[in-house]
Amino acid sequence: MSSTLTPRPLRASDPARQLRGTMAAVRLSFTWFGTRKTLTSEQKSQAAESFGAAGQFLSAGKKLLDTRHPAFQAVTGIRTRLAGLWRGMSLPYPEPGIRLIRQADIEFFHHAANLLQGELTQAVAELDAHFEELKAAACERLGQLFNAADYPQSLRGLFAVEWDFPSLEPPAYLRELNPELFRQEQARVAARFEEAVQLAEEAFIAEFGQLVGHLTERLSGHDDGRPKIFRDSVIENLRTFFERFQQLNVRNDAQLDELVAEAQRIVQGVAPQRLREDGTLRQSVASQLSAVQSVLDGLLVDRPRRRILRSPK
């Protein structure tokens, strides 16, 4: 999911500074009821006996609920969509749990996340309505391992999502309190954004390579002498990448820009159904994408080495 706002181009001369000036930190966190529980020492010992093993060398657990139940899958599906929204509108940042979002997209993200949060609340309520049914099924399947104390009275409030926009900048009061420490913190943040630029570039190359490689394999491969089947989403995912790359790319890497433009030209105006029906077109698109993939493979191998060579240490 992406914003309908027109992206503002970033200056290529200093991508880290531009990233720092136009992006904000966004953090997404979940509260999630755990559906697995480790067996007690006594239970592990009993299980180990059937194998002639020592209980202390056995790791075992039990599944509290059937996560394949439609009501449970509806809840986890919304979590997947929330995480996809967060990742799709942001870039990596070298701190766990934090990504960078365009300041212009914060309002859109907040609105979309709010809608999904509402869907999650409704889905959890529906799951809770099936809770007794799920516990009864667990009791039947777990047998003597079932323990009613493992289950809460209700599932409401045990599945939740939160997001915030933490500041990455050193606090202003530090400038007056300790100017030298403030300078050090400024330098630390600047270095983090330099790394964020590299992380974003590497993430784009890896994602692009995976998408192109998958589409090429689907178009050129065969199963029992017949062309492989592919879904429309294989091409749509690539087109979504083009949009994200245009909006979020922060480094002027001419080679990567050219490869993305070339892949975009190759699939422009090509409908998935035409690729299924027109063998000549299918072969042509596969051949052209294979050439792009070949160059991308070189970037994927070479990029970590380049990053090390740029390191001042």
Foldseek 3Di string as FASTA:
>chain_A
DEDPDDFDDADQPDLLVSLVVFKFKKFKDKQADDQKDWADLVVLCVVVVVVVHHSVVDTDIDGQFDCVPPLNVQLVVLVVVLVCLVVLQFFDFPDPRITIHGPVCPVVNVVVVVVSQVSNQVSQVVVQVCVVVRNVVSCVVVPPRRDPVSDDPTCHPNIGMDMDTDGQQDDPVCCVVPVVVNVVSVVVSSVRSVVRLLRRVLVLLVVLLVLLVVLLCQLPDDDPNHRHDDDQVSVVVLVSSLVSCVRDRRHPDPVVVVLNVQLCVLCVPPGPVCSVVDNVSSVVSSVSSVVSSVVSVVCNVCSVVVVVVPDPD
